[in-house]
């Protein structure tokens, strides 16, 4: 892999973790929404699905 591809992959992982942490924090602060781990897992699954769709093009 080129260094650019590795940098983009690292950035994607960091953004995914940031989104999952943000969603887990929001769900933790507002427990009526959903369980924090479920919300974070759904966020990661959504990001992975979107990246998979873009990668398949």
PDB file of N, CA and C in Angstrom:
ATOM      1  N   UNK A   1       0.840  -1.182   0.000  1.00  0.00           N
ATOM      2  CA  UNK A   1       0.000   0.000   0.000  1.00  0.00           C
ATOM      3  C   UNK A   1       0.880   1.240   0.000  1.00  0.00           C
ATOM      4  N   UNK A   2       0.397   2.252  -0.664  1.00  0.00           N
ATOM      5  CA  UNK A   2       1.149   3.499  -0.672  1.00  0.00           C
ATOM      6  C   UNK A   2       0.943   4.238   0.647  1.00  0.00           C
ATOM      7  N   UNK A   3       1.793   5.189   0.890  1.00  0.00           N
ATOM      8  CA  UNK A   3       1.682   5.936   2.140  1.00  0.00           C
ATOM      9  C   UNK A   3       0.411   6.780   2.171  1.00  0.00           C
ATOM     10  N   UNK A   4      -0.065   7.207   1.025  1.00  0.00           N
ATOM     11  CA  UNK A   4      -1.316   7.975   0.974  1.00  0.00           C
ATOM     12  C   UNK A   4      -2.499   7.098   1.370  1.00  0.00           C
ATOM     13  N   UNK A   5      -2.528   5.870   0.867  1.00  0.00           N
ATOM     14  CA  UNK A   5      -3.614   4.952   1.218  1.00  0.00           C
ATOM     15  C   UNK A   5      -3.589   4.623   2.710  1.00  0.00           C
ATOM     16  N   UNK A   6      -2.401   4.452   3.278  1.00  0.00           N
ATOM     17  CA  UNK A   6      -2.293   4.189   4.705  1.00  0.00           C
ATOM     18  C   UNK A   6      -2.755   5.389   5.529  1.00  0.00           C
ATOM     19  N   UNK A   7      -2.430   6.586   5.080  1.00  0.00           N
ATOM     20  CA  UNK A   7      -2.862   7.792   5.784  1.00  0.00           C
ATOM     21  C   UNK A   7      -4.377   7.937   5.738  1.00  0.00           C
ATOM     22  N   UNK A   8      -4.978   7.664   4.590  1.00  0.00           N
ATOM     23  CA  UNK A   8      -6.434   7.737   4.462  1.00  0.00           C
ATOM     24  C   UNK A   8      -7.094   6.677   5.336  1.00  0.00           C
ATOM     25  N   UNK A   9      -6.537   5.482   5.387  1.00  0.00           N
ATOM     26  CA  UNK A   9      -7.079   4.422   6.229  1.00  0.00           C
ATOM     27  C   UNK A   9      -6.999   4.797   7.701  1.00  0.00           C
ATOM     28  N   UNK A  10      -5.873   5.353   8.133  1.00  0.00           N
ATOM     29  CA  UNK A  10      -5.729   5.793   9.517  1.00  0.00           C
ATOM     30  C   UNK A  10      -6.730   6.890   9.847  1.00  0.00           C
ATOM     31  N   UNK A  11      -6.900   7.834   8.945  1.00  0.00           N
ATOM     32  CA  UNK A  11      -7.864   8.911   9.155  1.00  0.00           C
ATOM     33  C   UNK A  11      -9.281   8.360   9.248  1.00  0.00           C
ATOM     34  N   UNK A  12      -9.618   7.397   8.410  1.00  0.00           N
ATOM     35  CA  UNK A  12     -10.936   6.795   8.439  1.00  0.00           C
ATOM     36  C   UNK A  12     -11.192   6.070   9.760  1.00  0.00           C
ATOM     37  N   UNK A  13     -10.196   5.366  10.259  1.00  0.00           N
ATOM     38  CA  UNK A  13     -10.336   4.674  11.543  1.00  0.00           C
ATOM     39  C   UNK A  13     -10.519   5.682  12.670  1.00  0.00           C
ATOM     40  N   UNK A  14      -9.746   6.751  12.652  1.00  0.00           N
ATOM     41  CA  UNK A  14      -9.866   7.762  13.702  1.00  0.00           C
ATOM     42  C   UNK A  14     -11.225   8.458  13.675  1.00  0.00           C
ATOM     43  N   UNK A  15     -11.721   8.781  12.501  1.00  0.00           N
ATOM     44  CA  UNK A  15     -13.031   9.429  12.387  1.00  0.00           C
ATOM     45  C   UNK A  15     -14.133   8.481  12.842  1.00  0.00           C
ATOM     46  N   UNK A  16     -14.022   7.197  12.495  1.00  0.00           N
ATOM     47  CA  UNK A  16     -15.012   6.212  12.927  1.00  0.00           C
ATOM     48  C   UNK A  16     -15.033   6.099  14.446  1.00  0.00           C
ATOM     49  N   UNK A  17     -13.865   6.040  15.066  1.00  0.00           N
ATOM     50  CA  UNK A  17     -13.805   5.981  16.526  1.00  0.00           C
ATOM     51  C   UNK A  17     -14.362   7.249  17.162  1.00  0.00           C
ATOM     52  N   UNK A  18     -14.095   8.400  16.562  1.00  0.00           N
ATOM     53  CA  UNK A  18     -14.624   9.658  17.072  1.00  0.00           C
ATOM     54  C   UNK A  18     -16.143   9.693  16.979  1.00  0.00           C
ATOM     55  N   UNK A  19     -16.695   9.246  15.858  1.00  0.00           N
ATOM     56  CA  UNK A  19     -18.148   9.199  15.708  1.00  0.00           C
ATOM     57  C   UNK A  19     -18.789   8.228  16.700  1.00  0.00           C
ATOM     58  N   UNK A  20     -18.187   7.055  16.846  1.00  0.00           N
ATOM     59  CA  UNK A  20     -18.727   6.063  17.770  1.00  0.00           C
ATOM     60  C   UNK A  20     -18.670   6.583  19.204  1.00  0.00           C
ATOM     61  N   UNK A  21     -17.582   7.233  19.565  1.00  0.00           N
ATOM     62  CA  UNK A  21     -17.472   7.806  20.905  1.00  0.00           C
ATOM     63  C   UNK A  21     -18.475   8.914  21.137  1.00  0.00           C
ATOM     64  N   UNK A  22     -18.688   9.731  20.137  1.00  0.00           N
ATOM     65  CA  UNK A  22     -19.678  10.806  20.253  1.00  0.00           C
ATOM     66  C   UNK A  22     -21.093  10.276  20.418  1.00  0.00           C
ATOM     67  N   UNK A  23     -21.437   9.275  19.630  1.00  0.00           N
ATOM     68  CA  UNK A  23     -22.770   8.687  19.746  1.00  0.00           C
ATOM     69  C   UNK A  23     -22.943   7.986  21.091  1.00  0.00           C
ATOM     70  N   UNK A  24     -21.895   7.294  21.550  1.00  0.00           N
ATOM     71  CA  UNK A  24     -21.969   6.635  22.858  1.00  0.00           C
ATOM     72  C   UNK A  24     -22.115   7.668  23.973  1.00  0.00           C
ATOM     73  N   UNK A  25     -21.420   8.795  23.858  1.00  0.00           N
ATOM     74  CA  UNK A  25     -21.525   9.851  24.869  1.00  0.00           C
ATOM     75  C   UNK A  25     -22.937  10.439  24.899  1.00  0.00           C
ATOM     76  N   UNK A  26     -23.489  10.701  23.720  1.00  0.00           N
ATOM     77  CA  UNK A  26     -24.848  11.251  23.661  1.00  0.00           C
ATOM     78  C   UNK A  26     -25.852  10.268  24.240  1.00  0.00           C
ATOM     79  N   UNK A  27     -25.704   8.991  23.909  1.00  0.00           N
ATOM     80  CA  UNK A  27     -26.624   7.989  24.439  1.00  0.00           C
ATOM     81  C   UNK A  27     -26.436   7.821  25.943  1.00  0.00           C
ATOM     82  N   UNK A  28     -25.207   8.023  26.432  1.00  0.00           N
ATOM     83  CA  UNK A  28     -24.963   7.924  27.877  1.00  0.00           C
ATOM     84  C   UNK A  28     -25.588   9.099  28.618  1.00  0.00           C
ATOM     85  N   UNK A  29     -25.525  10.275  28.017  1.00  0.00           N
ATOM     86  CA  UNK A  29     -26.096  11.469  28.655  1.00  0.00           C
ATOM     87  C   UNK A  29     -27.619  11.475  28.584  1.00  0.00           C
ATOM     88  N   UNK A  30     -28.186  10.811  27.596  1.00  0.00           N
ATOM     89  CA  UNK A  30     -29.637  10.728  27.427  1.00  0.00           C
ATOM     90  C   UNK A  30     -30.029   9.255  27.350  1.00  0.00           C
ATOM     91  N   UNK A  31     -30.134   8.590  28.499  1.00  0.00           N
ATOM     92  CA  UNK A  31     -30.353   7.135  28.513  1.00  0.00           C
ATOM     93  C   UNK A  31     -31.664   6.688  27.864  1.00  0.00           C
ATOM     94  N   UNK A  32     -32.595   7.588  27.714  1.00  0.00           N
ATOM     95  CA  UNK A  32     -33.862   7.193  27.092  1.00  0.00           C
ATOM     96  C   UNK A  32     -33.688   6.889  25.609  1.00  0.00           C
ATOM     97  N   UNK A  33     -32.599   7.360  25.008  1.00  0.00           N
ATOM     98  CA  UNK A  33     -32.405   7.132  23.576  1.00  0.00           C
ATOM     99  C   UNK A  33     -32.125   5.663  23.276  1.00  0.00           C
ATOM    100  N   UNK A  34     -31.049   5.142  23.828  1.00  0.00           N
ATOM    101  CA  UNK A  34     -30.686   3.741  23.619  1.00  0.00           C
ATOM    102  C   UNK A  34     -29.451   3.424  24.452  1.00  0.00           C
ATOM    103  N   UNK A  35     -29.076   2.190  24.491  1.00  0.00           N
ATOM    104  CA  UNK A  35     -27.874   1.801  25.245  1.00  0.00           C
ATOM    105  C   UNK A  35     -26.631   2.334  24.523  1.00  0.00           C
ATOM    106  N   UNK A  36     -25.649   2.852  25.258  1.00  0.00           N
ATOM    107  CA  UNK A  36     -24.479   3.474  24.605  1.00  0.00           C
ATOM    108  C   UNK A  36     -23.688   2.530  23.707  1.00  0.00           C
ATOM    109  N   UNK A  37     -23.475   1.315  24.116  1.00  0.00           N
ATOM    110  CA  UNK A  37     -22.683   0.402  23.283  1.00  0.00           C
ATOM    111  C   UNK A  37     -23.420   0.015  22.007  1.00  0.00           C
ATOM    112  N   UNK A  38     -24.732  -0.119  22.087  1.00  0.00           N
ATOM    113  CA  UNK A  38     -25.515  -0.429  20.891  1.00  0.00           C
ATOM    114  C   UNK A  38     -25.459   0.730  19.903  1.00  0.00           C
ATOM    115  N   UNK A  39     -25.575   1.939  20.413  1.00  0.00           N
ATOM    116  CA  UNK A  39     -25.527   3.108  19.538  1.00  0.00           C
ATOM    117  C   UNK A  39     -24.151   3.249  18.891  1.00  0.00           C
ATOM    118  N   UNK A  40     -23.096   3.028  19.660  1.00  0.00           N
ATOM    119  CA  UNK A  40     -21.749   3.123  19.098  1.00  0.00           C
ATOM    120  C   UNK A  40     -21.512   2.026  18.066  1.00  0.00           C
ATOM    121  N   UNK A  41     -21.992   0.827  18.341  1.00  0.00           N
ATOM    122  CA  UNK A  41     -21.848  -0.269  17.384  1.00  0.00           C
ATOM    123  C   UNK A  41     -22.597  -0.003  16.092  1.00  0.00           C
ATOM    124  N   UNK A  42     -23.781   0.581  16.204  1.00  0.00           N
ATOM    125  CA  UNK A  42     -24.541   0.913  15.002  1.00  0.00           C
ATOM    126  C   UNK A  42     -23.827   1.991  14.189  1.00  0.00           C
ATOM    127  N   UNK A  43     -23.177   2.925  14.866  1.00  0.00           N
ATOM    128  CA  UNK A  43     -22.433   3.962  14.150  1.00  0.00           C
ATOM    129  C   UNK A  43     -21.270   3.360  13.374  1.00  0.00           C
ATOM    130  N   UNK A  44     -20.541   2.470  14.020  1.00  0.00           N
ATOM    131  CA  UNK A  44     -19.410   1.817  13.341  1.00  0.00           C
ATOM    132  C   UNK A  44     -19.919   0.991  12.161  1.00  0.00           C
ATOM    133  N   UNK A  45     -21.020   0.281  12.344  1.00  0.00           N
ATOM    134  CA  UNK A  45     -21.575  -0.530  11.257  1.00  0.00           C
ATOM    135  C   UNK A  45     -22.011   0.354  10.087  1.00  0.00           C
ATOM    136  N   UNK A  46     -22.583   1.511  10.383  1.00  0.00           N
ATOM    137  CA  UNK A  46     -23.006   2.417   9.323  1.00  0.00           C
ATOM    138  C   UNK A  46     -21.817   2.955   8.545  1.00  0.00           C
ATOM    139  N   UNK A  47     -20.754   3.345   9.234  1.00  0.00           N
ATOM    140  CA  UNK A  47     -19.560   3.849   8.567  1.00  0.00           C
ATOM    141  C   UNK A  47     -18.922   2.751   7.711  1.00  0.00           C
ATOM    142  N   UNK A  48     -18.841   1.546   8.244  1.00  0.00           N
ATOM    143  CA  UNK A  48     -18.262   0.431   7.487  1.00  0.00           C
ATOM    144  C   UNK A  48     -19.100   0.129   6.245  1.00  0.00           C
ATOM    145  N   UNK A  49     -20.419   0.178   6.382  1.00  0.00           N
ATOM    146  CA  UNK A  49     -21.292  -0.068   5.222  1.00  0.00           C
ATOM    147  C   UNK A  49     -21.119   1.008   4.154  1.00  0.00           C
ATOM    148  N   UNK A  50     -21.017   2.256   4.570  1.00  0.00           N
ATOM    149  CA  UNK A  50     -20.824   3.334   3.598  1.00  0.00           C
ATOM    150  C   UNK A  50     -19.481   3.222   2.898  1.00  0.00           C
ATOM    151  N   UNK A  51     -18.445   2.900   3.647  1.00  0.00           N
ATOM    152  CA  UNK A  51     -17.120   2.726   3.033  1.00  0.00           C
ATOM    153  C   UNK A  51     -17.112   1.525   2.098  1.00  0.00           C
ATOM    154  N   UNK A  52     -17.821   0.465   2.470  1.00  0.00           N
ATOM    155  CA  UNK A  52     -17.920  -0.705   1.590  1.00  0.00           C
ATOM    156  C   UNK A  52     -18.620  -0.386   0.288  1.00  0.00           C
ATOM    157  N   UNK A  53     -19.675   0.407   0.377  1.00  0.00           N
ATOM    158  CA  UNK A  53     -20.376   0.808  -0.845  1.00  0.00           C
ATOM    159  C   UNK A  53     -19.495   1.690  -1.737  1.00  0.00           C
ATOM    160  N   UNK A  54     -18.765   2.597  -1.120  1.00  0.00           N
ATOM    161  CA  UNK A  54     -17.882   3.462  -1.908  1.00  0.00           C
ATOM    162  C   UNK A  54     -16.719   2.664  -2.485  1.00  0.00           C
ATOM    163  N   UNK A  55     -16.225   1.691  -1.748  1.00  0.00           N
ATOM    164  CA  UNK A  55     -15.120   0.874  -2.238  1.00  0.00           C
ATOM    165  C   UNK A  55     -15.516  -0.065  -3.352  1.00  0.00           C
ATOM    166  N   UNK A  56     -16.782  -0.433  -3.408  1.00  0.00           N
ATOM    167  CA  UNK A  56     -17.256  -1.343  -4.433  1.00  0.00           C
ATOM    168  C   UNK A  56     -17.468  -0.629  -5.772  1.00  0.00           C
ATOM    169  N   UNK A  57     -17.517   0.671  -5.761  1.00  0.00           N
ATOM    170  CA  UNK A  57     -17.736   1.427  -7.006  1.00  0.00           C
ATOM    171  C   UNK A  57     -16.548   1.431  -7.885  1.00  0.00           C
TER     172      UNK A  57
END
